[in-house]
Amino acid sequence: MTNNASGLHRIAILSVHTSPLHQPGTGDSGGMNVYVAETAKRIAARGIEVEIFTRATSLSDPEFSELAPGVLVRNIPAGPFEGLRKEDLPAQLCAVTAGVLRAEAAKNEGFYDLVHSHYWLSGQVGWIAQERWGVPLVHTMHTMARVKNLTLAQGDSPEPAIREIGEEQVVIAADRLVANTHAEAKELIELYHADPNRVRVVHPGVDLELFIPGSENAARSELGIADDAIVLLFVGRIQPLKAPDVLIEAAAEILKRNPGLRSRLVVAICGGPSGSGLEQPDALLTLANELGVSDVVQFVPPTSRAKLVKWYQAATVCVVPSYSESFGLVAIEAQACGTPVIAARVGGLPTAVREGISGVLVDGHNANDWAESILKVVSDEPLQKRLTAGAIAHASHFGWEDTTDKLISVYQEAVASSKARVHSK
């Protein structure tokens, strides 16, 4: 650890519904897991101890696990260990809160300087901890019910009222709200009436030492993909919100327009069923069969980060057709590996992708539009080269170290504001 000049000693991070130890890409594990793990490690490296509270999901989960030096993950037993979906967790929040408060009660008074909660479920626990411990609460939404409900995929279920109400309560309680982008900050203020003076924008990052450009041919050789293949890569949880079906429909349209590409086209769907996608886990396979493209679609289970780098390096383009994204870590990871991104013009993706410089943004989710955008890039080698160079340059501005610097500044600000408020009473 380095010398600590922040004035902070210990912080509690709440990640109730998903653990930073879990594999991203399936269940409820995704970009938030990566965010929590990467920032926690770097905060600890600055000399600030971090304890992450999450819900135990297995009898075999130990009470504590060390994520990295100075970062402890505490598994709180609450409700059935397995079989609970994120939507079922509000009923377990009392048990989680009791576990968190019990853990702190065994410490000396004032043990934690601050609580940082991630996602609304954690915010509900953080709100109570904030009051009991007399420390500031910093909260990051990651996704918001009202935003998702405005941009629902066809057939997807809207977020329930209990979540909207819970998010409103956390917005009121938090000393500082961390938004991933200026677009998200605007949504917090307009849709949740957040106090603009308490909203701060901190972009997520990417591990620039792991996600790096590499030999496309070498990566393809390792993955068993032909050198002349056109590889369209989707990375993420398999659920309507992420819209992998749009990529499969676009692939069918591409082959309808250019039948000669069939022998070269590879559509790689990397991830596992999640959320409402669990209700029809074979829906994408069925869709590929119905559209006659099952021969070009390859389903890849969630994989290690090192293996994911190879997929990014092997891809011609990375496709991110989500209906809603607070940022889009996948887009930044792909670009850091030198892969242009074709993404939906929603949420934080216009920040994660520089249109015309590192990738292409598509309006709407019509398969014809996506097919046209994909063909425009993959059939123009000079354009690919320009976008590749732009992708690497753009991603270089999104390192986790910068994210951590800004988060610690928000923490210091929240502590100072909280102390000033107490002294004024």
Protein backbone atom coordinates (compact mmCIF):
# COMPACT_ATOMS: atom_id res chain seq x y z
CA MET A 1 0.00 0.00 0.00
CA THR A 2 1.05 3.59 -0.61
CA ASN A 3 0.94 6.37 1.94
CA ASN A 4 -2.58 7.57 2.61
CA ALA A 5 -2.98 11.31 2.07
CA SER A 6 -6.78 11.23 1.74
CA GLY A 7 -7.66 11.52 5.43
CA LEU A 8 -9.81 8.38 5.03
CA HIS A 9 -8.99 5.20 6.90
CA ARG A 10 -11.74 2.65 6.26
CA ILE A 11 -14.80 2.55 4.05
CA ALA A 12 -17.67 0.11 3.82
CA ILE A 13 -18.86 -0.82 0.32
CA LEU A 14 -22.31 -2.40 -0.05
CA SER A 15 -22.94 -4.69 -3.00
CA VAL A 16 -25.93 -6.63 -1.73
CA HIS A 17 -27.29 -8.42 -4.78
CA THR A 18 -24.04 -9.52 -6.41
CA SER A 19 -20.54 -10.20 -5.19
CA PRO A 20 -17.36 -8.80 -6.75
CA LEU A 21 -16.02 -12.35 -6.45
CA HIS A 22 -18.61 -13.71 -8.90
CA GLN A 23 -17.98 -14.31 -12.61
CA PRO A 24 -19.35 -11.42 -14.71
CA GLY A 25 -21.63 -12.27 -17.61
CA THR A 26 -24.25 -14.46 -15.99
CA GLY A 27 -26.94 -14.29 -13.31
CA ASP A 28 -26.86 -10.79 -11.82
CA SER A 29 -23.11 -10.40 -12.32
CA GLY A 30 -21.95 -7.83 -14.82
CA GLY A 31 -20.27 -4.47 -15.11
CA MET A 32 -21.10 -3.53 -11.52
CA ASN A 33 -19.09 -6.50 -10.23
CA VAL A 34 -16.10 -5.33 -12.23
CA TYR A 35 -16.57 -1.73 -11.06
CA VAL A 36 -16.72 -2.67 -7.37
CA ALA A 37 -13.74 -5.04 -7.54
CA GLU A 38 -11.49 -2.76 -9.59
CA THR A 39 -12.15 0.41 -7.60
CA ALA A 40 -11.91 -1.39 -4.24
CA LYS A 41 -8.48 -2.78 -5.11
CA ARG A 42 -7.19 0.63 -6.13
CA ILE A 43 -8.72 2.41 -3.13
CA ALA A 44 -6.94 -0.07 -0.86
CA ALA A 45 -3.70 0.52 -2.74
CA ARG A 46 -4.00 4.18 -1.67
CA GLY A 47 -3.87 3.10 1.99
CA ILE A 48 -7.63 3.05 2.68
CA GLU A 49 -8.98 -0.23 4.05
CA VAL A 50 -12.09 -1.52 2.27
CA GLU A 51 -14.72 -3.94 3.54
CA ILE A 52 -17.31 -5.08 0.98
CA PHE A 53 -20.61 -6.43 2.29
CA THR A 54 -22.56 -8.79 0.04
CA ARG A 55 -25.22 -11.47 0.50
CA ALA A 56 -24.00 -15.05 0.89
CA THR A 57 -25.35 -17.24 -1.93
CA SER A 58 -23.99 -20.62 -0.88
CA LEU A 59 -23.46 -22.61 2.29
CA SER A 60 -19.85 -22.94 1.23
CA ASP A 61 -19.28 -19.16 1.19
CA PRO A 62 -16.79 -18.28 3.94
CA GLU A 63 -17.62 -15.45 6.31
CA PHE A 64 -14.68 -13.48 4.89
CA SER A 65 -12.71 -13.58 1.65
CA GLU A 66 -9.74 -11.42 0.71
CA LEU A 67 -10.23 -9.90 -2.71
CA ALA A 68 -6.86 -8.13 -2.60
CA PRO A 69 -4.53 -6.75 0.08
CA GLY A 70 -6.62 -4.37 2.15
CA VAL A 71 -9.93 -5.50 0.60
CA LEU A 72 -12.14 -7.86 2.62
CA VAL A 73 -15.39 -9.31 1.27
CA ARG A 74 -17.88 -10.19 4.02
CA ASN A 75 -20.68 -12.62 3.08
CA ILE A 76 -23.88 -11.88 5.02
CA PRO A 77 -26.32 -14.82 5.43
CA ALA A 78 -29.80 -13.59 4.52
CA GLY A 79 -32.63 -15.80 3.31
CA PRO A 80 -32.19 -18.94 1.20
CA PHE A 81 -28.62 -19.26 -0.05
CA GLU A 82 -29.58 -20.20 -3.58
CA GLY A 83 -32.51 -19.75 -5.95
CA LEU A 84 -33.25 -16.12 -5.12
CA ARG A 85 -33.44 -13.71 -8.02
CA LYS A 86 -32.60 -10.03 -7.68
CA GLU A 87 -36.33 -9.31 -7.80
CA ASP A 88 -36.82 -11.47 -4.68
CA LEU A 89 -34.23 -9.66 -2.59
CA PRO A 90 -36.28 -6.75 -1.20
CA ALA A 91 -37.84 -9.26 1.22
CA GLN A 92 -34.36 -10.06 2.55
CA LEU A 93 -33.16 -6.50 3.08
CA CYS A 94 -34.00 -6.53 6.80
CA ALA A 95 -31.81 -9.61 7.27
CA VAL A 96 -28.98 -8.09 5.24
CA THR A 97 -29.21 -4.83 7.17
CA ALA A 98 -29.13 -6.68 10.49
CA GLY A 99 -26.01 -8.56 9.36
CA VAL A 100 -24.25 -5.36 8.31
CA LEU A 101 -25.13 -3.53 11.54
CA ARG A 102 -24.12 -6.53 13.64
CA ALA A 103 -20.73 -6.64 11.96
CA GLU A 104 -20.13 -2.94 12.66
CA ALA A 105 -21.32 -3.28 16.27
CA ALA A 106 -18.33 -5.53 16.95
CA LYS A 107 -15.95 -2.73 15.88
CA ASN A 108 -14.84 0.36 17.75
CA GLU A 109 -17.13 3.36 17.39
CA GLY A 110 -16.38 5.33 14.24
CA PHE A 111 -14.67 2.36 12.56
CA TYR A 112 -15.88 3.30 9.06
CA ASP A 113 -15.46 6.80 7.65
CA LEU A 114 -18.06 6.36 4.93
CA VAL A 115 -20.50 3.98 3.23
CA HIS A 116 -20.59 3.58 -0.56
CA SER A 117 -23.62 1.63 -1.77
CA HIS A 118 -24.06 0.22 -5.27
CA TYR A 119 -27.54 -0.29 -6.82
CA TRP A 120 -30.78 0.58 -5.05
CA LEU A 121 -30.94 -2.56 -2.88
CA SER A 122 -27.58 -1.69 -1.34
CA GLY A 123 -28.74 1.90 -0.99
CA GLN A 124 -31.61 0.79 1.22
CA VAL A 125 -29.11 -0.90 3.56
CA GLY A 126 -26.70 2.03 3.29
CA TRP A 127 -29.41 4.50 4.26
CA ILE A 128 -29.85 2.72 7.62
CA ALA A 129 -26.09 2.32 8.14
CA GLN A 130 -25.63 6.02 7.42
CA GLU A 131 -28.04 6.94 10.23
CA ARG A 132 -26.82 4.35 12.74
CA TRP A 133 -23.11 4.95 12.21
CA GLY A 134 -23.30 8.71 11.76
CA VAL A 135 -21.27 8.62 8.54
CA PRO A 136 -21.96 9.95 5.03
CA LEU A 137 -23.57 7.80 2.35
CA VAL A 138 -22.29 7.85 -1.23
CA HIS A 139 -24.48 5.99 -3.69
CA THR A 140 -24.07 4.79 -7.27
CA MET A 141 -27.25 3.69 -9.07
CA HIS A 142 -25.66 1.78 -12.00
CA THR A 143 -29.15 1.36 -13.49
CA MET A 144 -32.43 3.14 -12.74
CA ALA A 145 -35.97 1.82 -12.92
CA ARG A 146 -37.46 4.90 -14.54
CA VAL A 147 -34.81 4.94 -17.25
CA LYS A 148 -35.26 1.23 -17.98
CA ASN A 149 -39.04 1.55 -18.06
CA LEU A 150 -38.80 4.32 -20.65
CA THR A 151 -36.76 2.09 -22.98
CA LEU A 152 -38.11 -1.44 -22.43
CA ALA A 153 -37.31 -4.18 -24.90
CA GLN A 154 -40.37 -5.71 -26.54
CA GLY A 155 -41.92 -8.28 -24.20
CA ASP A 156 -39.66 -7.36 -21.28
CA SER A 157 -41.21 -6.76 -17.85
CA PRO A 158 -41.19 -3.22 -16.41
CA GLU A 159 -39.37 -2.55 -13.16
CA PRO A 160 -41.80 -2.61 -10.20
CA ALA A 161 -43.01 0.37 -8.19
CA ILE A 162 -41.16 -0.87 -5.09
CA ARG A 163 -37.88 -0.27 -6.89
CA GLU A 164 -38.84 3.23 -8.02
CA ILE A 165 -39.86 4.15 -4.47
CA GLY A 166 -36.69 2.60 -3.07
CA GLU A 167 -34.54 4.56 -5.51
CA GLU A 168 -36.30 7.81 -4.58
CA GLN A 169 -35.58 7.18 -0.90
CA VAL A 170 -31.89 6.57 -1.57
CA VAL A 171 -31.63 9.69 -3.73
CA ILE A 172 -33.00 11.75 -0.83
CA ALA A 173 -30.77 10.08 1.78
CA ALA A 174 -27.41 10.05 -0.01
CA ASP A 175 -24.86 12.74 0.77
CA ARG A 176 -23.42 12.30 -2.71
CA LEU A 177 -24.75 10.51 -5.80
CA VAL A 178 -22.16 9.23 -8.27
CA ALA A 179 -23.33 9.14 -11.88
CA ASN A 180 -21.37 7.28 -14.55
CA THR A 181 -21.95 9.97 -17.19
CA HIS A 182 -23.38 13.45 -17.56
CA ALA A 183 -26.41 11.84 -19.24
CA GLU A 184 -27.03 9.75 -16.12
CA ALA A 185 -26.60 12.81 -13.90
CA LYS A 186 -29.26 14.57 -15.96
CA GLU A 187 -31.60 11.57 -15.54
CA LEU A 188 -31.07 11.58 -11.77
CA ILE A 189 -31.97 15.25 -11.59
CA GLU A 190 -34.90 15.18 -14.02
CA LEU A 191 -36.47 11.79 -13.24
CA TYR A 192 -35.68 11.56 -9.50
CA HIS A 193 -35.44 15.25 -8.57
CA ALA A 194 -31.94 14.74 -7.17
CA ASP A 195 -30.26 17.82 -5.73
CA PRO A 196 -27.76 18.87 -8.46
CA ASN A 197 -25.35 20.00 -5.72
CA ARG A 198 -25.03 16.40 -4.53
CA VAL A 199 -24.58 14.74 -7.93
CA ARG A 200 -21.03 14.04 -9.17
CA VAL A 201 -19.97 12.45 -12.47
CA VAL A 202 -17.26 9.78 -12.29
CA HIS A 203 -16.69 7.67 -15.40
CA PRO A 204 -16.04 3.95 -14.90
CA GLY A 205 -12.77 2.62 -16.25
CA VAL A 206 -10.96 -0.28 -17.83
CA ASP A 207 -7.87 -2.23 -16.81
CA LEU A 208 -5.46 -0.82 -19.39
CA GLU A 209 -2.79 -3.35 -18.44
CA LEU A 210 -5.08 -6.33 -19.16
CA PHE A 211 -7.25 -5.10 -22.02
CA ILE A 212 -4.65 -4.32 -24.67
CA PRO A 213 -4.36 -4.59 -28.45
CA GLY A 214 -2.88 -7.84 -29.71
CA SER A 215 -2.48 -10.00 -32.78
CA GLU A 216 -5.87 -10.68 -34.33
CA ASN A 217 -4.54 -13.79 -36.09
CA ALA A 218 -2.95 -15.16 -32.90
CA ALA A 219 -6.18 -14.62 -30.93
CA ARG A 220 -8.21 -16.29 -33.66
CA SER A 221 -5.84 -19.22 -33.79
CA GLU A 222 -6.21 -19.71 -30.04
CA LEU A 223 -10.02 -19.56 -30.29
CA GLY A 224 -10.27 -21.77 -33.40
CA ILE A 225 -11.50 -19.01 -35.70
CA ALA A 226 -10.38 -18.66 -39.32
CA ASP A 227 -8.06 -15.78 -40.21
CA ASP A 228 -10.47 -14.42 -42.85
CA ALA A 229 -13.56 -14.59 -40.63
CA ILE A 230 -15.83 -11.60 -40.02
CA VAL A 231 -16.37 -11.84 -36.27
CA LEU A 232 -19.30 -9.99 -34.72
CA LEU A 233 -18.93 -10.17 -30.94
CA PHE A 234 -21.56 -9.66 -28.24
CA VAL A 235 -20.43 -9.72 -24.59
CA GLY A 236 -22.90 -9.47 -21.73
CA ARG A 237 -25.73 -11.08 -19.83
CA ILE A 238 -28.30 -12.80 -22.02
CA GLN A 239 -31.51 -10.88 -21.38
CA PRO A 240 -33.88 -8.67 -23.41
CA LEU A 241 -32.36 -5.47 -21.96
CA LYS A 242 -28.99 -6.27 -23.59
CA ALA A 243 -30.67 -7.15 -26.92
CA PRO A 244 -28.43 -9.93 -28.26
CA ASP A 245 -31.44 -10.91 -30.42
CA VAL A 246 -30.91 -7.70 -32.40
CA LEU A 247 -27.43 -8.91 -33.40
CA ILE A 248 -28.78 -12.31 -34.51
CA GLU A 249 -31.54 -10.64 -36.53
CA ALA A 250 -28.96 -8.29 -38.08
CA ALA A 251 -26.77 -11.27 -38.99
CA ALA A 252 -29.73 -12.86 -40.81
CA GLU A 253 -30.26 -9.61 -42.72
CA ILE A 254 -26.55 -9.43 -43.59
CA LEU A 255 -26.66 -12.93 -45.07
CA LYS A 256 -29.85 -12.12 -46.94
CA ARG A 257 -28.07 -9.21 -48.59
CA ASN A 258 -24.71 -10.98 -49.00
CA PRO A 259 -25.15 -14.78 -49.11
CA GLY A 260 -21.48 -15.17 -50.03
CA LEU A 261 -20.45 -14.07 -46.51
CA ARG A 262 -21.94 -17.16 -44.88
CA SER A 263 -18.69 -19.13 -44.95
CA ARG A 264 -16.84 -16.28 -43.22
CA LEU A 265 -19.40 -14.88 -40.76
CA VAL A 266 -19.05 -15.71 -37.05
CA VAL A 267 -21.54 -14.30 -34.55
CA ALA A 268 -20.12 -14.92 -31.06
CA ILE A 269 -22.53 -14.47 -28.14
CA CYS A 270 -20.46 -14.48 -24.96
CA GLY A 271 -22.46 -14.57 -21.71
CA GLY A 272 -25.11 -16.46 -19.79
CA PRO A 273 -28.85 -16.07 -19.12
CA SER A 274 -29.81 -13.36 -16.64
CA GLY A 275 -32.87 -11.52 -15.35
CA SER A 276 -35.96 -12.09 -17.48
CA GLY A 277 -33.73 -14.03 -19.89
CA LEU A 278 -33.83 -16.90 -17.40
CA GLU A 279 -37.47 -17.49 -18.31
CA GLN A 280 -36.50 -18.54 -21.86
CA PRO A 281 -32.84 -19.62 -21.70
CA ASP A 282 -32.95 -21.14 -25.21
CA ALA A 283 -34.69 -18.18 -26.86
CA LEU A 284 -31.61 -17.06 -28.81
CA LEU A 285 -30.89 -20.55 -30.10
CA THR A 286 -34.52 -20.86 -31.18
CA LEU A 287 -34.32 -17.47 -32.90
CA ALA A 288 -31.11 -18.43 -34.73
CA ASN A 289 -32.77 -21.64 -35.95
CA GLU A 290 -35.91 -19.82 -37.08
CA LEU A 291 -33.84 -17.27 -39.02
CA GLY A 292 -31.62 -19.94 -40.54
CA VAL A 293 -28.37 -18.60 -39.07
CA SER A 294 -27.61 -21.18 -36.39
CA ASP A 295 -24.58 -22.29 -38.43
CA VAL A 296 -22.88 -18.91 -37.96
CA VAL A 297 -23.90 -18.27 -34.34
CA GLN A 298 -21.57 -19.47 -31.60
CA PHE A 299 -22.61 -19.39 -27.95
CA VAL A 300 -19.69 -18.85 -25.57
CA PRO A 301 -20.23 -19.29 -21.81
CA PRO A 302 -18.98 -16.57 -19.44
CA THR A 303 -15.22 -16.74 -19.44
CA SER A 304 -12.17 -15.44 -17.60
CA ARG A 305 -11.07 -11.88 -18.17
CA ALA A 306 -7.87 -13.07 -19.84
CA LYS A 307 -9.86 -15.21 -22.28
CA LEU A 308 -12.26 -12.33 -22.86
CA VAL A 309 -9.31 -10.22 -24.03
CA LYS A 310 -8.66 -12.84 -26.73
CA TRP A 311 -12.26 -12.60 -27.91
CA TYR A 312 -12.02 -8.82 -28.14
CA GLN A 313 -8.73 -9.07 -30.04
CA ALA A 314 -10.21 -11.65 -32.41
CA ALA A 315 -13.37 -9.67 -33.16
CA THR A 316 -13.88 -7.54 -36.25
CA VAL A 317 -16.38 -5.42 -34.32
CA CYS A 318 -18.00 -5.58 -30.90
CA VAL A 319 -21.76 -5.03 -31.02
CA VAL A 320 -23.57 -3.44 -28.05
CA PRO A 321 -27.29 -3.16 -28.98
CA SER A 322 -28.64 -2.59 -25.44
CA TYR A 323 -31.93 -0.82 -24.79
CA SER A 324 -30.39 0.88 -21.75
CA GLU A 325 -26.82 1.26 -20.43
CA SER A 326 -25.64 3.57 -17.66
CA PHE A 327 -22.18 3.42 -19.25
CA GLY A 328 -21.17 0.26 -21.13
CA LEU A 329 -17.96 -1.27 -19.76
CA VAL A 330 -17.95 -3.84 -22.56
CA ALA A 331 -17.62 -1.04 -25.11
CA ILE A 332 -14.56 0.42 -23.36
CA GLU A 333 -12.95 -3.00 -22.88
CA ALA A 334 -13.36 -3.79 -26.58
CA GLN A 335 -11.92 -0.44 -27.64
CA ALA A 336 -8.94 -0.85 -25.31
CA CYS A 337 -8.20 -4.04 -27.25
CA GLY A 338 -8.37 -2.13 -30.53
CA THR A 339 -11.81 -3.36 -31.56
CA PRO A 340 -14.29 -0.84 -33.03
CA VAL A 341 -17.72 -0.80 -31.38
CA ILE A 342 -21.15 -0.58 -32.96
CA ALA A 343 -23.50 0.47 -30.17
CA ALA A 344 -27.00 1.73 -29.52
CA ARG A 345 -27.32 5.46 -29.03
CA VAL A 346 -28.69 5.09 -25.49
CA GLY A 347 -27.68 6.06 -21.96
CA GLY A 348 -23.93 6.28 -21.43
CA LEU A 349 -22.91 4.59 -24.69
CA PRO A 350 -22.43 7.92 -26.54
CA THR A 351 -19.81 8.66 -23.84
CA ALA A 352 -18.22 5.22 -24.01
CA VAL A 353 -18.06 5.31 -27.83
CA ARG A 354 -16.89 8.32 -29.87
CA GLU A 355 -19.07 8.25 -32.95
CA GLY A 356 -17.06 8.17 -36.15
CA ILE A 357 -13.80 8.04 -34.17
CA SER A 358 -13.87 4.77 -32.21
CA GLY A 359 -17.10 3.26 -33.46
CA VAL A 360 -20.62 3.79 -34.76
CA LEU A 361 -23.83 4.63 -32.89
CA VAL A 362 -27.16 3.28 -34.14
CA ASP A 363 -30.58 4.80 -33.47
CA GLY A 364 -33.28 2.30 -32.54
CA HIS A 365 -33.17 -1.49 -32.76
CA ASN A 366 -34.31 -2.26 -36.28
CA ALA A 367 -32.32 -5.20 -37.68
CA ASN A 368 -31.96 -3.54 -41.10
CA ASP A 369 -30.30 -0.47 -39.56
CA TRP A 370 -27.93 -2.63 -37.55
CA ALA A 371 -27.07 -4.79 -40.56
CA GLU A 372 -26.32 -1.66 -42.59
CA SER A 373 -24.05 -0.20 -39.90
CA ILE A 374 -22.19 -3.48 -39.42
CA LEU A 375 -21.69 -3.96 -43.17
CA LYS A 376 -20.45 -0.40 -43.53
CA VAL A 377 -17.63 -1.07 -41.07
CA VAL A 378 -16.65 -4.66 -41.88
CA SER A 379 -16.55 -4.06 -45.64
CA ASP A 380 -14.35 -0.96 -45.46
CA GLU A 381 -10.80 -1.84 -44.41
CA PRO A 382 -9.49 1.77 -44.26
CA LEU A 383 -12.47 2.69 -42.04
CA GLN A 384 -11.73 -0.30 -39.79
CA LYS A 385 -8.14 0.84 -39.39
CA ARG A 386 -9.19 4.39 -38.52
CA LEU A 387 -11.72 3.18 -35.99
CA THR A 388 -9.19 0.77 -34.48
CA ALA A 389 -6.71 3.59 -33.89
CA GLY A 390 -9.49 5.81 -32.55
CA ALA A 391 -10.75 3.05 -30.25
CA ILE A 392 -7.35 2.57 -28.62
CA ALA A 393 -6.89 6.31 -28.18
CA HIS A 394 -10.39 6.84 -26.77
CA ALA A 395 -10.15 3.96 -24.28
CA SER A 396 -6.81 5.25 -22.99
CA HIS A 397 -8.71 8.07 -21.21
CA PHE A 398 -10.74 5.62 -19.09
CA GLY A 399 -8.25 3.95 -16.73
CA TRP A 400 -9.45 2.77 -13.32
CA GLU A 401 -6.78 4.91 -11.64
CA ASP A 402 -8.53 8.06 -12.83
CA THR A 403 -11.89 6.67 -11.67
CA THR A 404 -10.40 5.95 -8.25
CA ASP A 405 -8.88 9.44 -7.96
CA LYS A 406 -12.27 11.00 -8.61
CA LEU A 407 -14.12 8.62 -6.27
CA ILE A 408 -11.78 9.42 -3.39
CA SER A 409 -12.36 13.13 -4.04
CA VAL A 410 -16.11 12.52 -3.82
CA TYR A 411 -15.58 10.59 -0.55
CA GLN A 412 -13.56 13.46 0.94
CA GLU A 413 -16.21 15.94 -0.12
CA ALA A 414 -18.99 13.82 1.40
CA VAL A 415 -17.14 13.49 4.71
CA ALA A 416 -16.44 17.24 4.87
CA SER A 417 -20.07 18.04 4.03
CA SER A 418 -21.36 15.60 6.64
CA LYS A 419 -19.10 17.04 9.36
CA ALA A 420 -20.15 20.58 8.48
CA ARG A 421 -23.80 19.61 8.72
CA VAL A 422 -23.29 18.00 12.15
CA HIS A 423 -21.40 21.05 13.49
CA SER A 424 -24.11 23.40 12.26
CA LYS A 425 -26.80 21.68 14.32
